[in-house]
C-alpha cells in the first residue's frame, strides 16, 4: 500500500483547525488542540509508551506556522511555544483515520489524571 501523500494543507479559523486532503481522496479536519496533545515529539510521546505524557490545558492552543520537513513531514509551531513535533504524512493520516479512538483515549486519560482540556 502506498504511503499517504497530501494534496492540500490549509489552516483555518485563525490557526485553530488544520485540514489535509490526501491523494487517496481522504480528507481530515484536525483541531489544533488534538494535534498539540498528540504531537509526535519526545516531550509528549516520551521515549517509550511508559513515558508518554498526557498534556492538558490546550483547548485554546493555535497553530502559528507550518514548516515543511524534507518531503515527508511538516513541523507545526504552536502558540504555546511547542514546535518540536515532526508530523509525517503517515502519522497525520493515522491521526485523521483513527481520530475517534485516539481522542477517546486522550479524554479518558485526562479524567484519570484529574486534568482538563
Protein backbone atom coordinates (compact mmCIF):
# COMPACT_ATOMS: atom_id res chain seq x y z
CA UNK A 1 0.00 0.00 0.00
CA UNK A 2 1.34 3.43 -0.93
CA UNK A 3 2.16 5.94 1.76
CA UNK A 4 -0.37 8.79 2.02
CA UNK A 5 0.63 11.99 0.25
CA UNK A 6 -1.00 15.37 0.92
CA UNK A 7 -2.52 17.21 -2.00
CA UNK A 8 -3.69 20.19 0.07
CA UNK A 9 -2.89 21.55 3.56
CA UNK A 10 -4.80 24.53 4.96
CA UNK A 11 -5.03 26.38 8.25
CA UNK A 12 -8.48 27.65 9.23
CA UNK A 13 -10.15 29.65 11.99
CA UNK A 14 -7.09 31.68 12.90
CA UNK A 15 -4.95 28.56 13.36
CA UNK A 16 -7.41 26.59 15.46
CA UNK A 17 -8.05 23.99 12.70
CA UNK A 18 -5.95 22.29 10.05
CA UNK A 19 -7.35 20.39 7.09
CA UNK A 20 -5.39 17.98 4.93
CA UNK A 21 -6.57 16.40 1.69
CA UNK A 22 -4.60 13.29 0.78
CA UNK A 23 -4.08 11.89 -2.71
CA UNK A 24 -6.23 8.84 -1.90
CA UNK A 25 -9.23 11.23 -1.59
CA UNK A 26 -9.24 11.05 2.22
CA UNK A 27 -9.77 14.42 3.85
CA UNK A 28 -9.22 15.16 7.54
CA UNK A 29 -10.04 18.13 9.73
CA UNK A 30 -7.90 18.39 12.87
CA UNK A 31 -8.24 20.75 15.79
CA UNK A 32 -5.01 22.44 16.87
CA UNK A 33 -5.65 21.03 20.34
CA UNK A 34 -5.76 17.45 19.00
CA UNK A 35 -2.53 17.90 17.05
CA UNK A 36 -0.81 19.54 20.03
CA UNK A 37 -1.72 16.83 22.54
CA UNK A 38 -0.85 14.05 20.06
CA UNK A 39 2.41 15.67 18.94
CA UNK A 40 4.98 13.04 17.95
CA UNK A 41 7.65 14.91 19.92
CA UNK A 42 9.64 13.21 22.67
CA UNK A 43 8.26 15.89 25.02
CA UNK A 44 4.77 14.37 24.60
CA UNK A 45 5.41 10.78 23.49
CA UNK A 46 8.45 10.15 25.67
CA UNK A 47 10.99 7.57 24.56
CA UNK A 48 8.68 4.65 25.38
CA UNK A 49 4.97 4.05 25.98
CA UNK A 50 5.58 4.28 29.74
CA UNK A 51 6.99 7.79 29.34
CA UNK A 52 4.01 9.12 27.34
CA UNK A 53 2.63 12.32 28.84
CA UNK A 54 -0.99 13.41 28.94
CA UNK A 55 -0.97 17.12 28.11
CA UNK A 56 -3.89 19.10 29.48
CA UNK A 57 -4.91 22.73 29.17
CA UNK A 58 -4.53 23.02 25.39
CA UNK A 59 -8.17 23.65 24.40
CA UNK A 60 -7.38 27.12 23.05
CA UNK A 61 -3.97 26.47 21.50
CA UNK A 62 -3.43 27.69 17.92
CA UNK A 63 -1.06 26.74 15.14
CA UNK A 64 1.10 29.74 14.22
CA UNK A 65 3.12 28.22 11.41
CA UNK A 66 3.52 25.13 9.27
CA UNK A 67 7.05 24.31 8.11
CA UNK A 68 7.95 21.56 5.63
CA UNK A 69 10.42 18.91 6.79
CA UNK A 70 12.00 17.35 3.75
CA UNK A 71 9.31 15.87 1.56
CA UNK A 72 7.90 13.53 4.20
CA UNK A 73 6.51 15.70 7.01
CA UNK A 74 5.62 19.07 8.49
CA UNK A 75 6.58 20.74 11.73
CA UNK A 76 3.81 22.66 13.46
CA UNK A 77 4.64 25.74 15.51
CA UNK A 78 2.01 26.22 18.23
CA UNK A 79 1.30 29.48 20.04
CA UNK A 80 2.22 27.88 23.41
CA UNK A 81 5.82 27.61 22.18
CA UNK A 82 5.72 23.89 21.31
CA UNK A 83 7.40 23.27 17.94
CA UNK A 84 9.41 20.07 18.18
CA UNK A 85 6.94 17.55 16.77
CA UNK A 86 7.63 16.30 13.25
CA UNK A 87 4.29 15.14 11.80
CA UNK A 88 4.90 12.64 9.00
CA UNK A 89 2.25 12.23 6.32
CA UNK A 90 1.68 8.68 7.58
CA UNK A 91 1.19 9.86 11.19
CA UNK A 92 -1.20 12.63 10.10
CA UNK A 93 -3.24 10.12 8.08
CA UNK A 94 -3.38 7.82 11.13
CA UNK A 95 -4.47 10.71 13.36
CA UNK A 96 -7.25 11.50 10.91
CA UNK A 97 -8.37 7.95 10.28
CA UNK A 98 -8.28 6.90 13.96
CA UNK A 99 -9.42 10.23 15.43
CA UNK A 100 -12.35 8.95 17.49
CA UNK A 101 -10.32 6.18 19.14
CA UNK A 102 -7.28 8.38 19.82
CA UNK A 103 -9.37 11.30 21.12
CA UNK A 104 -11.37 8.94 23.34
CA UNK A 105 -8.18 7.62 24.94
CA UNK A 106 -6.96 11.19 25.47
CA UNK A 107 -10.19 12.35 27.14
CA UNK A 108 -10.17 9.24 29.35
CA UNK A 109 -6.53 9.85 30.34
CA UNK A 110 -7.35 13.47 31.24
CA UNK A 111 -10.17 12.29 33.51
CA UNK A 112 -8.00 9.64 35.15
CA UNK A 113 -5.28 12.19 35.89
CA UNK A 114 -7.63 14.98 37.01
CA UNK A 115 -6.61 17.23 34.12
CA UNK A 116 -8.79 19.49 31.98
CA UNK A 117 -8.69 20.39 28.34
